[in-house]
């Protein structure tokens, strides 16, 4: 029983590491001095139809909180290119 539990925990930990690495990869994994500024990210998100309320850094991405098409959203953007790479909660 304990070996099974330990194996399950080890597997879950490994999967979490892979998921985190995937987030870093989709967001460019570049040094922060190569990122667009938060103001530039806000302008880019606004051009894409977001009413931006807040921007923060999450797992190497810009995470934009706002309203789009009448819905609250948390969208993830590549901080170097400004390309939307997902919506927070996507797996």
PDB file of N, CA and C in Angstrom:
ATOM      1  N   UNK A   1       0.826  -1.194   0.000  1.00  0.00           N
ATOM      2  CA  UNK A   1       0.000   0.000   0.000  1.00  0.00           C
ATOM      3  C   UNK A   1       0.872   1.261   0.000  1.00  0.00           C
ATOM      4  N   UNK A   2       1.883   1.295   0.873  1.00  0.00           N
ATOM      5  CA  UNK A   2       2.744   2.475   0.957  1.00  0.00           C
ATOM      6  C   UNK A   2       3.556   2.653  -0.331  1.00  0.00           C
ATOM      7  N   UNK A   3       3.996   1.534  -0.930  1.00  0.00           N
ATOM      8  CA  UNK A   3       4.751   1.634  -2.182  1.00  0.00           C
ATOM      9  C   UNK A   3       3.868   2.194  -3.289  1.00  0.00           C
ATOM     10  N   UNK A   4       2.617   1.768  -3.304  1.00  0.00           N
ATOM     11  CA  UNK A   4       1.678   2.251  -4.308  1.00  0.00           C
ATOM     12  C   UNK A   4       1.423   3.743  -4.137  1.00  0.00           C
ATOM     13  N   UNK A   5       1.248   4.175  -2.898  1.00  0.00           N
ATOM     14  CA  UNK A   5       1.026   5.594  -2.614  1.00  0.00           C
ATOM     15  C   UNK A   5       2.248   6.412  -3.005  1.00  0.00           C
ATOM     16  N   UNK A   6       3.426   5.915  -2.659  1.00  0.00           N
ATOM     17  CA  UNK A   6       4.660   6.619  -2.997  1.00  0.00           C
ATOM     18  C   UNK A   6       4.825   6.718  -4.513  1.00  0.00           C
ATOM     19  N   UNK A   7       4.512   5.652  -5.224  1.00  0.00           N
ATOM     20  CA  UNK A   7       4.620   5.669  -6.684  1.00  0.00           C
ATOM     21  C   UNK A   7       3.642   6.663  -7.297  1.00  0.00           C
ATOM     22  N   UNK A   8       2.437   6.719  -6.762  1.00  0.00           N
ATOM     23  CA  UNK A   8       1.433   7.662  -7.252  1.00  0.00           C
ATOM     24  C   UNK A   8       1.887   9.100  -7.026  1.00  0.00           C
ATOM     25  N   UNK A   9       2.401   9.391  -5.833  1.00  0.00           N
ATOM     26  CA  UNK A   9       2.881  10.745  -5.534  1.00  0.00           C
ATOM     27  C   UNK A   9       4.048  11.127  -6.433  1.00  0.00           C
ATOM     28  N   UNK A  10       4.949  10.197  -6.672  1.00  0.00           N
ATOM     29  CA  UNK A  10       6.084  10.461  -7.544  1.00  0.00           C
ATOM     30  C   UNK A  10       5.623  10.766  -8.969  1.00  0.00           C
ATOM     31  N   UNK A  11       4.659  10.013  -9.453  1.00  0.00           N
ATOM     32  CA  UNK A  11       4.117  10.232 -10.794  1.00  0.00           C
ATOM     33  C   UNK A  11       3.452  11.599 -10.899  1.00  0.00           C
ATOM     34  N   UNK A  12       2.653  11.955  -9.906  1.00  0.00           N
ATOM     35  CA  UNK A  12       1.977  13.259  -9.924  1.00  0.00           C
ATOM     36  C   UNK A  12       2.977  14.401  -9.884  1.00  0.00           C
ATOM     37  N   UNK A  13       4.023  14.255  -9.091  1.00  0.00           N
ATOM     38  CA  UNK A  13       5.057  15.282  -9.014  1.00  0.00           C
ATOM     39  C   UNK A  13       5.755  15.439 -10.363  1.00  0.00           C
ATOM     40  N   UNK A  14       6.053  14.333 -11.007  1.00  0.00           N
ATOM     41  CA  UNK A  14       6.704  14.382 -12.320  1.00  0.00           C
ATOM     42  C   UNK A  14       5.808  15.053 -13.352  1.00  0.00           C
ATOM     43  N   UNK A  15       4.526  14.729 -13.340  1.00  0.00           N
ATOM     44  CA  UNK A  15       3.588  15.339 -14.285  1.00  0.00           C
ATOM     45  C   UNK A  15       3.469  16.835 -14.056  1.00  0.00           C
ATOM     46  N   UNK A  16       3.477  17.270 -12.807  1.00  0.00           N
ATOM     47  CA  UNK A  16       3.404  18.702 -12.507  1.00  0.00           C
ATOM     48  C   UNK A  16       4.627  19.415 -13.065  1.00  0.00           C
ATOM     49  N   UNK A  17       5.791  18.790 -12.964  1.00  0.00           N
ATOM     50  CA  UNK A  17       7.008  19.374 -13.513  1.00  0.00           C
ATOM     51  C   UNK A  17       6.942  19.510 -15.020  1.00  0.00           C
ATOM     52  N   UNK A  18       6.403  18.511 -15.693  1.00  0.00           N
ATOM     53  CA  UNK A  18       6.243  18.557 -17.147  1.00  0.00           C
ATOM     54  C   UNK A  18       5.277  19.664 -17.534  1.00  0.00           C
ATOM     55  N   UNK A  19       4.178  19.796 -16.820  1.00  0.00           N
ATOM     56  CA  UNK A  19       3.197  20.849 -17.116  1.00  0.00           C
ATOM     57  C   UNK A  19       3.823  22.219 -16.943  1.00  0.00           C
ATOM     58  N   UNK A  20       4.621  22.405 -15.887  1.00  0.00           N
ATOM     59  CA  UNK A  20       5.269  23.688 -15.656  1.00  0.00           C
ATOM     60  C   UNK A  20       6.260  23.985 -16.783  1.00  0.00           C
ATOM     61  N   UNK A  21       7.028  22.992 -17.199  1.00  0.00           N
ATOM     62  CA  UNK A  21       7.980  23.184 -18.291  1.00  0.00           C
ATOM     63  C   UNK A  21       7.258  23.548 -19.577  1.00  0.00           C
ATOM     64  N   UNK A  22       6.087  22.957 -19.806  1.00  0.00           N
ATOM     65  CA  UNK A  22       5.295  23.264 -20.994  1.00  0.00           C
ATOM     66  C   UNK A  22       4.857  24.722 -20.978  1.00  0.00           C
ATOM     67  N   UNK A  23       4.428  25.242 -19.803  1.00  0.00           N
ATOM     68  CA  UNK A  23       4.044  26.650 -19.692  1.00  0.00           C
ATOM     69  C   UNK A  23       5.214  27.551 -20.055  1.00  0.00           C
ATOM     70  N   UNK A  24       6.415  27.233 -19.533  1.00  0.00           N
ATOM     71  CA  UNK A  24       7.588  28.034 -19.840  1.00  0.00           C
ATOM     72  C   UNK A  24       7.884  28.011 -21.336  1.00  0.00           C
ATOM     73  N   UNK A  25       7.760  26.851 -21.962  1.00  0.00           N
ATOM     74  CA  UNK A  25       8.065  26.723 -23.387  1.00  0.00           C
ATOM     75  C   UNK A  25       7.092  27.526 -24.240  1.00  0.00           C
ATOM     76  N   UNK A  26       5.805  27.457 -23.941  1.00  0.00           N
ATOM     77  CA  UNK A  26       4.835  28.165 -24.774  1.00  0.00           C
ATOM     78  C   UNK A  26       4.922  29.674 -24.595  1.00  0.00           C
ATOM     79  N   UNK A  27       5.520  30.102 -23.501  1.00  0.00           N
ATOM     80  CA  UNK A  27       5.654  31.538 -23.263  1.00  0.00           C
ATOM     81  C   UNK A  27       7.004  32.075 -23.711  1.00  0.00           C
ATOM     82  N   UNK A  28       7.792  31.244 -24.349  1.00  0.00           N
ATOM     83  CA  UNK A  28       9.026  31.720 -24.937  1.00  0.00           C
ATOM     84  C   UNK A  28      10.279  31.410 -24.155  1.00  0.00           C
ATOM     85  N   UNK A  29      10.189  31.331 -22.836  1.00  0.00           N
ATOM     86  CA  UNK A  29      11.332  31.003 -21.992  1.00  0.00           C
ATOM     87  C   UNK A  29      12.541  31.880 -22.320  1.00  0.00           C
ATOM     88  N   UNK A  30      12.315  33.190 -22.427  1.00  0.00           N
ATOM     89  CA  UNK A  30      13.389  34.138 -22.725  1.00  0.00           C
ATOM     90  C   UNK A  30      13.647  35.011 -21.501  1.00  0.00           C
ATOM     91  N   UNK A  31      14.855  35.587 -21.411  1.00  0.00           N
ATOM     92  CA  UNK A  31      15.153  36.464 -20.277  1.00  0.00           C
ATOM     93  C   UNK A  31      14.185  37.647 -20.221  1.00  0.00           C
ATOM     94  N   UNK A  32      13.894  38.073 -19.011  1.00  0.00           N
ATOM     95  CA  UNK A  32      12.899  39.130 -18.814  1.00  0.00           C
ATOM     96  C   UNK A  32      13.308  40.448 -19.479  1.00  0.00           C
ATOM     97  N   UNK A  33      14.608  40.669 -19.679  1.00  0.00           N
ATOM     98  CA  UNK A  33      15.026  41.918 -20.337  1.00  0.00           C
ATOM     99  C   UNK A  33      14.685  41.935 -21.827  1.00  0.00           C
ATOM    100  N   UNK A  34      14.186  40.799 -22.361  1.00  0.00           N
ATOM    101  CA  UNK A  34      13.755  40.736 -23.757  1.00  0.00           C
ATOM    102  C   UNK A  34      12.234  40.789 -23.894  1.00  0.00           C
ATOM    103  N   UNK A  35      11.544  40.934 -22.779  1.00  0.00           N
ATOM    104  CA  UNK A  35      10.075  40.991 -22.796  1.00  0.00           C
ATOM    105  C   UNK A  35       9.597  42.364 -23.245  1.00  0.00           C
ATOM    106  N   UNK A  36       8.391  42.409 -23.814  1.00  0.00           N
ATOM    107  CA  UNK A  36       7.746  43.696 -24.051  1.00  0.00           C
ATOM    108  C   UNK A  36       7.339  44.266 -22.687  1.00  0.00           C
ATOM    109  N   UNK A  37       7.186  45.567 -22.615  1.00  0.00           N
ATOM    110  CA  UNK A  37       6.780  46.181 -21.352  1.00  0.00           C
ATOM    111  C   UNK A  37       5.320  45.834 -21.046  1.00  0.00           C
ATOM    112  N   UNK A  38       4.940  46.009 -19.794  1.00  0.00           N
ATOM    113  CA  UNK A  38       3.535  45.770 -19.435  1.00  0.00           C
ATOM    114  C   UNK A  38       2.615  46.718 -20.195  1.00  0.00           C
ATOM    115  N   UNK A  39       3.055  47.959 -20.405  1.00  0.00           N
ATOM    116  CA  UNK A  39       2.233  48.910 -21.170  1.00  0.00           C
ATOM    117  C   UNK A  39       2.045  48.432 -22.612  1.00  0.00           C
ATOM    118  N   UNK A  40       3.117  47.900 -23.214  1.00  0.00           N
ATOM    119  CA  UNK A  40       3.007  47.370 -24.577  1.00  0.00           C
ATOM    120  C   UNK A  40       2.090  46.147 -24.603  1.00  0.00           C
ATOM    121  N   UNK A  41       2.172  45.311 -23.556  1.00  0.00           N
ATOM    122  CA  UNK A  41       1.301  44.135 -23.480  1.00  0.00           C
ATOM    123  C   UNK A  41      -0.145  44.565 -23.336  1.00  0.00           C
ATOM    124  N   UNK A  42      -0.387  45.594 -22.540  1.00  0.00           N
ATOM    125  CA  UNK A  42      -1.754  46.102 -22.369  1.00  0.00           C
ATOM    126  C   UNK A  42      -2.292  46.615 -23.706  1.00  0.00           C
ATOM    127  N   UNK A  43      -1.466  47.348 -24.447  1.00  0.00           N
ATOM    128  CA  UNK A  43      -1.890  47.857 -25.759  1.00  0.00           C
ATOM    129  C   UNK A  43      -2.200  46.717 -26.714  1.00  0.00           C
ATOM    130  N   UNK A  44      -1.338  45.692 -26.718  1.00  0.00           N
ATOM    131  CA  UNK A  44      -1.541  44.535 -27.598  1.00  0.00           C
ATOM    132  C   UNK A  44      -2.841  43.813 -27.247  1.00  0.00           C
ATOM    133  N   UNK A  45      -3.075  43.581 -25.945  1.00  0.00           N
ATOM    134  CA  UNK A  45      -4.299  42.898 -25.512  1.00  0.00           C
ATOM    135  C   UNK A  45      -5.531  43.730 -25.857  1.00  0.00           C
ATOM    136  N   UNK A  46      -5.428  45.040 -25.721  1.00  0.00           N
ATOM    137  CA  UNK A  46      -6.541  45.928 -26.068  1.00  0.00           C
ATOM    138  C   UNK A  46      -6.847  45.827 -27.565  1.00  0.00           C
ATOM    139  N   UNK A  47      -5.789  45.791 -28.397  1.00  0.00           N
ATOM    140  CA  UNK A  47      -5.976  45.613 -29.843  1.00  0.00           C
ATOM    141  C   UNK A  47      -6.699  44.304 -30.158  1.00  0.00           C
ATOM    142  N   UNK A  48      -6.484  43.299 -29.317  1.00  0.00           N
ATOM    143  CA  UNK A  48      -7.106  41.988 -29.523  1.00  0.00           C
ATOM    144  C   UNK A  48      -8.512  41.898 -28.932  1.00  0.00           C
ATOM    145  N   UNK A  49      -9.006  43.023 -28.401  1.00  0.00           N
ATOM    146  CA  UNK A  49     -10.385  43.056 -27.920  1.00  0.00           C
ATOM    147  C   UNK A  49     -10.575  42.873 -26.430  1.00  0.00           C
ATOM    148  N   UNK A  50      -9.491  42.921 -25.665  1.00  0.00           N
ATOM    149  CA  UNK A  50      -9.588  42.784 -24.215  1.00  0.00           C
ATOM    150  C   UNK A  50      -9.772  44.148 -23.562  1.00  0.00           C
ATOM    151  N   UNK A  51     -10.652  44.219 -22.577  1.00  0.00           N
ATOM    152  CA  UNK A  51     -10.728  45.369 -21.681  1.00  0.00           C
ATOM    153  C   UNK A  51      -9.874  44.974 -20.481  1.00  0.00           C
ATOM    154  N   UNK A  52      -8.606  45.397 -20.492  1.00  0.00           N
ATOM    155  CA  UNK A  52      -7.616  44.932 -19.519  1.00  0.00           C
ATOM    156  C   UNK A  52      -7.854  45.572 -18.158  1.00  0.00           C
ATOM    157  N   UNK A  53      -7.933  44.743 -17.138  1.00  0.00           N
ATOM    158  CA  UNK A  53      -8.103  45.199 -15.756  1.00  0.00           C
ATOM    159  C   UNK A  53      -6.810  45.073 -14.966  1.00  0.00           C
ATOM    160  N   UNK A  54      -6.010  44.030 -15.257  1.00  0.00           N
ATOM    161  CA  UNK A  54      -4.795  43.775 -14.490  1.00  0.00           C
ATOM    162  C   UNK A  54      -3.878  42.884 -15.323  1.00  0.00           C
ATOM    163  N   UNK A  55      -2.571  43.094 -15.169  1.00  0.00           N
ATOM    164  CA  UNK A  55      -1.577  42.230 -15.806  1.00  0.00           C
ATOM    165  C   UNK A  55      -0.593  41.788 -14.737  1.00  0.00           C
ATOM    166  N   UNK A  56      -0.272  40.486 -14.742  1.00  0.00           N
ATOM    167  CA  UNK A  56       0.770  39.994 -13.844  1.00  0.00           C
ATOM    168  C   UNK A  56       1.582  38.930 -14.566  1.00  0.00           C
ATOM    169  N   UNK A  57       2.702  38.554 -13.968  1.00  0.00           N
ATOM    170  CA  UNK A  57       3.556  37.512 -14.519  1.00  0.00           C
ATOM    171  C   UNK A  57       3.216  36.198 -13.829  1.00  0.00           C
ATOM    172  N   UNK A  58       2.978  35.163 -14.641  1.00  0.00           N
ATOM    173  CA  UNK A  58       2.635  33.836 -14.108  1.00  0.00           C
ATOM    174  C   UNK A  58       3.351  32.780 -14.946  1.00  0.00           C
ATOM    175  N   UNK A  59       4.256  32.032 -14.326  1.00  0.00           N
ATOM    176  CA  UNK A  59       4.966  30.937 -15.004  1.00  0.00           C
ATOM    177  C   UNK A  59       5.618  31.373 -16.312  1.00  0.00           C
ATOM    178  N   UNK A  60       6.251  32.543 -16.310  1.00  0.00           N
ATOM    179  CA  UNK A  60       6.951  33.009 -17.493  1.00  0.00           C
ATOM    180  C   UNK A  60       6.073  33.625 -18.562  1.00  0.00           C
ATOM    181  N   UNK A  61       4.784  33.757 -18.276  1.00  0.00           N
ATOM    182  CA  UNK A  61       3.837  34.377 -19.208  1.00  0.00           C
ATOM    183  C   UNK A  61       3.328  35.685 -18.612  1.00  0.00           C
ATOM    184  N   UNK A  62       2.846  36.561 -19.486  1.00  0.00           N
ATOM    185  CA  UNK A  62       2.003  37.644 -18.998  1.00  0.00           C
ATOM    186  C   UNK A  62       0.606  37.062 -18.853  1.00  0.00           C
ATOM    187  N   UNK A  63      -0.002  37.276 -17.710  1.00  0.00           N
ATOM    188  CA  UNK A  63      -1.378  36.843 -17.489  1.00  0.00           C
ATOM    189  C   UNK A  63      -2.233  38.098 -17.445  1.00  0.00           C
ATOM    190  N   UNK A  64      -3.140  38.203 -18.387  1.00  0.00           N
ATOM    191  CA  UNK A  64      -3.984  39.382 -18.523  1.00  0.00           C
ATOM    192  C   UNK A  64      -5.376  39.058 -17.993  1.00  0.00           C
ATOM    193  N   UNK A  65      -5.791  39.826 -16.999  1.00  0.00           N
ATOM    194  CA  UNK A  65      -7.137  39.707 -16.436  1.00  0.00           C
ATOM    195  C   UNK A  65      -7.976  40.807 -17.059  1.00  0.00           C
ATOM    196  N   UNK A  66      -9.132  40.449 -17.549  1.00  0.00           N
ATOM    197  CA  UNK A  66      -9.977  41.462 -18.146  1.00  0.00           C
ATOM    198  C   UNK A  66     -11.294  40.910 -18.632  1.00  0.00           C
ATOM    199  N   UNK A  67     -11.911  41.681 -19.518  1.00  0.00           N
ATOM    200  CA  UNK A  67     -13.205  41.331 -20.103  1.00  0.00           C
ATOM    201  C   UNK A  67     -13.007  41.227 -21.612  1.00  0.00           C
ATOM    202  N   UNK A  68     -13.518  40.151 -22.195  1.00  0.00           N
ATOM    203  CA  UNK A  68     -13.514  40.015 -23.650  1.00  0.00           C
ATOM    204  C   UNK A  68     -14.841  39.401 -24.056  1.00  0.00           C
ATOM    205  N   UNK A  69     -15.489  40.038 -25.004  1.00  0.00           N
ATOM    206  CA  UNK A  69     -16.794  39.569 -25.488  1.00  0.00           C
ATOM    207  C   UNK A  69     -17.794  39.413 -24.345  1.00  0.00           C
ATOM    208  N   UNK A  70     -17.704  40.323 -23.365  1.00  0.00           N
ATOM    209  CA  UNK A  70     -18.645  40.318 -22.246  1.00  0.00           C
ATOM    210  C   UNK A  70     -18.350  39.305 -21.157  1.00  0.00           C
ATOM    211  N   UNK A  71     -17.241  38.571 -21.271  1.00  0.00           N
ATOM    212  CA  UNK A  71     -16.894  37.547 -20.283  1.00  0.00           C
ATOM    213  C   UNK A  71     -15.583  37.873 -19.580  1.00  0.00           C
ATOM    214  N   UNK A  72     -15.508  37.555 -18.278  1.00  0.00           N
ATOM    215  CA  UNK A  72     -14.249  37.682 -17.556  1.00  0.00           C
ATOM    216  C   UNK A  72     -13.290  36.624 -18.081  1.00  0.00           C
ATOM    217  N   UNK A  73     -12.036  37.037 -18.316  1.00  0.00           N
ATOM    218  CA  UNK A  73     -11.032  36.101 -18.807  1.00  0.00           C
ATOM    219  C   UNK A  73      -9.699  36.313 -18.100  1.00  0.00           C
ATOM    220  N   UNK A  74      -8.915  35.255 -18.059  1.00  0.00           N
ATOM    221  CA  UNK A  74      -7.523  35.292 -17.636  1.00  0.00           C
ATOM    222  C   UNK A  74      -6.735  34.660 -18.778  1.00  0.00           C
ATOM    223  N   UNK A  75      -6.181  35.492 -19.632  1.00  0.00           N
ATOM    224  CA  UNK A  75      -5.496  35.004 -20.829  1.00  0.00           C
ATOM    225  C   UNK A  75      -3.987  35.044 -20.629  1.00  0.00           C
ATOM    226  N   UNK A  76      -3.306  34.045 -21.179  1.00  0.00           N
ATOM    227  CA  UNK A  76      -1.853  33.948 -21.097  1.00  0.00           C
ATOM    228  C   UNK A  76      -1.233  34.388 -22.417  1.00  0.00           C
ATOM    229  N   UNK A  77      -0.179  35.208 -22.315  1.00  0.00           N
ATOM    230  CA  UNK A  77       0.492  35.743 -23.495  1.00  0.00           C
ATOM    231  C   UNK A  77       1.993  35.503 -23.423  1.00  0.00           C
ATOM    232  N   UNK A  78       2.589  35.223 -24.584  1.00  0.00           N
ATOM    233  CA  UNK A  78       4.034  35.160 -24.688  1.00  0.00           C
ATOM    234  C   UNK A  78       4.552  36.569 -24.415  1.00  0.00           C
ATOM    235  N   UNK A  79       5.445  36.751 -23.436  1.00  0.00           N
ATOM    236  CA  UNK A  79       5.866  38.095 -23.046  1.00  0.00           C
ATOM    237  C   UNK A  79       6.812  38.769 -24.030  1.00  0.00           C
ATOM    238  N   UNK A  80       7.371  38.015 -24.949  1.00  0.00           N
ATOM    239  CA  UNK A  80       8.267  38.605 -25.936  1.00  0.00           C
ATOM    240  C   UNK A  80       7.514  39.022 -27.194  1.00  0.00           C
ATOM    241  N   UNK A  81       6.561  38.192 -27.619  1.00  0.00           N
ATOM    242  CA  UNK A  81       5.861  38.437 -28.882  1.00  0.00           C
ATOM    243  C   UNK A  81       4.472  39.037 -28.712  1.00  0.00           C
ATOM    244  N   UNK A  82       3.876  38.854 -27.534  1.00  0.00           N
ATOM    245  CA  UNK A  82       2.508  39.317 -27.317  1.00  0.00           C
ATOM    246  C   UNK A  82       1.457  38.401 -27.904  1.00  0.00           C
ATOM    247  N   UNK A  83       1.845  37.221 -28.341  1.00  0.00           N
ATOM    248  CA  UNK A  83       0.903  36.254 -28.900  1.00  0.00           C
ATOM    249  C   UNK A  83       0.171  35.546 -27.759  1.00  0.00           C
ATOM    250  N   UNK A  84      -1.157  35.450 -27.868  1.00  0.00           N
ATOM    251  CA  UNK A  84      -1.926  34.730 -26.854  1.00  0.00           C
ATOM    252  C   UNK A  84      -1.625  33.241 -26.987  1.00  0.00           C
ATOM    253  N   UNK A  85      -1.242  32.619 -25.859  1.00  0.00           N
ATOM    254  CA  UNK A  85      -0.868  31.204 -25.872  1.00  0.00           C
ATOM    255  C   UNK A  85      -1.835  30.326 -25.091  1.00  0.00           C
ATOM    256  N   UNK A  86      -2.836  30.936 -24.482  1.00  0.00           N
ATOM    257  CA  UNK A  86      -3.807  30.129 -23.753  1.00  0.00           C
ATOM    258  C   UNK A  86      -4.679  30.975 -22.860  1.00  0.00           C
ATOM    259  N   UNK A  87      -5.566  30.276 -22.184  1.00  0.00           N
ATOM    260  CA  UNK A  87      -6.437  30.889 -21.192  1.00  0.00           C
ATOM    261  C   UNK A  87      -6.155  30.173 -19.892  1.00  0.00           C
ATOM    262  N   UNK A  88      -5.962  30.924 -18.794  1.00  0.00           N
ATOM    263  CA  UNK A  88      -5.648  30.285 -17.519  1.00  0.00           C
ATOM    264  C   UNK A  88      -6.715  29.262 -17.187  1.00  0.00           C
ATOM    265  N   UNK A  89      -6.273  28.080 -16.821  1.00  0.00           N
ATOM    266  CA  UNK A  89      -7.188  26.985 -16.549  1.00  0.00           C
ATOM    267  C   UNK A  89      -7.163  25.949 -17.649  1.00  0.00           C
ATOM    268  N   UNK A  90      -6.584  26.325 -18.836  1.00  0.00           N
ATOM    269  CA  UNK A  90      -6.414  25.337 -19.911  1.00  0.00           C
ATOM    270  C   UNK A  90      -5.397  24.301 -19.471  1.00  0.00           C
ATOM    271  N   UNK A  91      -5.614  23.063 -19.831  1.00  0.00           N
ATOM    272  CA  UNK A  91      -4.620  22.018 -19.549  1.00  0.00           C
ATOM    273  C   UNK A  91      -4.213  21.329 -20.814  1.00  0.00           C
TER     274      UNK A  91
END
